[in-house]
Every structure is written in structure tokens, then in C-alpha cells.
Amino acid sequence: MRHYEVMVILDPSLDERTIAPSLDTFLNVIRTTGGNVEKVEVWGKRRLSFEINKNSEGIYAVLDLISTPDAVKELDRQLGLQETVLRTKVIRREPAKAAKTAARIAAKAAAKVKA
């Protein structure tokens, strides 16, 4: 399992309140393969530095994931097929930070088992 950060730029005509629930359906790909979604952060509408598909603005969302490379590749493919998604960018996070995060998740899981 590796730690990834996925940035998604969505169509500005979408309602910002519906962004997180709609992204949640795509994140089921990560969850079904045993991965973990750390956080979904919607930054809101921002101005783009250049137009994408005749849009000068976009709604930014950042996803932190711990998953297998194949699951992240499938997530990126599914997001790319959506007409409302203007761009995606997948970044593999540094191993040191990923190890700390994985240790924190394991500690939380162990605490739940003990309780």
C-alpha cells in the first residue's frame, strides 16, 4: 500500500455541496480493494491559470489515499471518463510520511480492537 494525493478539478457549474458525495462514489474503488481514504478536502471554486475546455474557473478537490497502484490507476481512469471532471493529477507521497500515516492507522485499528 502506498500513499497518494489526487487533485481533481471539476466543472464550475456544479453545486459545491454535491462535490464530496459524488466523489465518494468513485472512492468506493479504493475502499473495495482494501485501501483507505484519509480525507476529502473541497477547496471550492478557483480561477484557473489557463482555460480548460473553455472554463476559466474550476472547483478543486484534494483526496488523500492509501491504496495499491492498480486501484489508484482505476480511480484516475474512472474520473477521466466523467464529463464534469476537467483534470486530475495523481501524486505519490513521500514514503516517510506514508509510513507515519500507516502506523497511525494501524494504531487506531488496534485501539478499536481493544475497545
Protein backbone atom coordinates (compact mmCIF):
# COMPACT_ATOMS: atom_id res chain seq x y z
CA MET A 1 0.00 0.00 0.00
CA ARG A 2 1.21 3.45 -0.91
CA HIS A 3 0.15 6.96 0.00
CA TYR A 4 -1.27 9.08 -2.82
CA GLU A 5 -2.64 12.58 -3.20
CA VAL A 6 -5.15 13.11 -6.00
CA MET A 7 -6.14 16.59 -7.13
CA VAL A 8 -9.33 16.87 -9.14
CA ILE A 9 -10.54 19.97 -10.99
CA LEU A 10 -14.27 19.87 -11.63
CA ASP A 11 -16.67 21.86 -13.80
CA PRO A 12 -17.52 25.19 -12.09
CA SER A 13 -21.22 24.86 -12.96
CA LEU A 14 -21.59 22.07 -10.36
CA ASP A 15 -23.04 22.79 -6.93
CA GLU A 16 -20.18 22.71 -4.40
CA ARG A 17 -22.31 20.87 -1.83
CA THR A 18 -22.65 17.88 -4.15
CA ILE A 19 -18.92 17.51 -4.86
CA ALA A 20 -17.92 15.38 -1.83
CA PRO A 21 -20.85 12.92 -2.13
CA SER A 22 -20.26 12.47 -5.87
CA LEU A 23 -16.52 11.86 -5.33
CA ASP A 24 -17.43 9.38 -2.62
CA THR A 25 -18.98 7.06 -5.22
CA PHE A 26 -15.65 6.95 -7.10
CA LEU A 27 -13.73 6.36 -3.89
CA ASN A 28 -15.52 3.03 -3.47
CA VAL A 29 -12.91 1.67 -5.92
CA ILE A 30 -10.26 2.39 -3.28
CA ARG A 31 -12.31 1.01 -0.39
CA THR A 32 -13.23 -2.26 -2.12
CA THR A 33 -9.57 -3.07 -2.80
CA GLY A 34 -8.67 -2.64 0.88
CA GLY A 35 -7.39 0.92 0.61
CA ASN A 36 -8.17 3.79 2.91
CA VAL A 37 -9.41 7.32 2.16
CA GLU A 38 -7.66 9.66 4.59
CA LYS A 39 -9.55 12.83 3.71
CA VAL A 40 -11.57 14.54 1.03
CA GLU A 41 -10.94 18.28 1.01
CA VAL A 42 -13.00 20.51 -1.30
CA TRP A 43 -11.19 23.80 -1.84
CA GLY A 44 -14.04 25.40 -3.74
CA LYS A 45 -14.14 27.46 -6.90
CA ARG A 46 -10.78 28.89 -8.02
CA ARG A 47 -9.58 30.74 -11.07
CA LEU A 48 -7.51 28.64 -13.49
CA SER A 49 -4.21 29.90 -14.84
CA PHE A 50 -5.37 28.91 -18.35
CA GLU A 51 -8.68 27.82 -19.79
CA ILE A 52 -9.61 24.14 -19.80
CA ASN A 53 -12.48 23.23 -22.13
CA LYS A 54 -13.47 26.92 -22.31
CA ASN A 55 -13.69 27.20 -18.50
CA SER A 56 -11.71 29.89 -16.73
CA GLU A 57 -12.69 28.60 -13.26
CA GLY A 58 -12.84 25.19 -11.66
CA ILE A 59 -13.78 23.54 -8.39
CA TYR A 60 -10.74 21.99 -6.75
CA ALA A 61 -10.84 18.87 -4.58
CA VAL A 62 -7.89 17.09 -2.97
CA LEU A 63 -8.06 13.44 -1.93
CA ASP A 64 -5.56 11.70 0.37
CA LEU A 65 -5.47 7.95 -0.16
CA ILE A 66 -3.59 4.88 0.98
CA SER A 67 -4.04 2.23 -1.67
CA THR A 68 -2.49 -0.07 -4.23
CA PRO A 69 -1.20 1.41 -7.51
CA ASP A 70 -3.76 -0.54 -9.55
CA ALA A 71 -6.70 0.86 -7.55
CA VAL A 72 -5.44 4.43 -7.94
CA LYS A 73 -4.96 3.89 -11.66
CA GLU A 74 -8.57 2.66 -11.92
CA LEU A 75 -9.80 5.66 -9.90
CA ASP A 76 -7.94 8.03 -12.24
CA ARG A 77 -9.40 6.24 -15.27
CA GLN A 78 -12.96 6.48 -13.93
CA LEU A 79 -12.57 10.16 -13.05
CA GLY A 80 -11.17 10.85 -16.53
CA LEU A 81 -14.29 9.37 -18.11
CA GLN A 82 -16.57 11.86 -16.34
CA GLU A 83 -17.56 14.94 -18.34
CA THR A 84 -17.69 17.06 -15.17
CA VAL A 85 -14.02 16.37 -14.35
CA LEU A 86 -11.75 18.84 -16.14
CA ARG A 87 -8.38 17.49 -14.88
CA THR A 88 -6.86 15.01 -12.45
CA LYS A 89 -3.37 14.80 -11.05
CA VAL A 90 -2.10 11.83 -9.03
CA ILE A 91 0.97 12.30 -6.85
CA ARG A 92 2.67 9.57 -4.86
CA ARG A 93 3.53 10.97 -1.43
CA GLU A 94 6.90 10.56 0.25
CA PRO A 95 7.47 7.16 1.91
CA ALA A 96 8.37 8.66 5.31
CA LYS A 97 5.06 10.48 5.58
CA ALA A 98 3.20 7.45 4.28
CA ALA A 99 4.84 5.20 6.88
CA LYS A 100 3.84 7.56 9.69
CA THR A 101 0.28 7.70 8.40
CA ALA A 102 0.11 3.91 8.03
CA ALA A 103 1.42 3.49 11.59
CA ARG A 104 -1.21 5.94 12.86
CA ILE A 105 -3.96 4.00 11.06
CA ALA A 106 -2.69 0.71 12.49
CA ALA A 107 -2.64 2.22 16.00
CA LYS A 108 -6.25 3.41 15.59
CA ALA A 109 -7.31 -0.03 14.36
CA ALA A 110 -5.56 -1.69 17.29
CA ALA A 111 -7.27 0.70 19.71
CA LYS A 112 -10.67 -0.16 18.22
CA VAL A 113 -9.98 -3.88 18.57
CA LYS A 114 -9.03 -3.47 22.25
CA ALA A 115 -12.16 -1.41 23.00
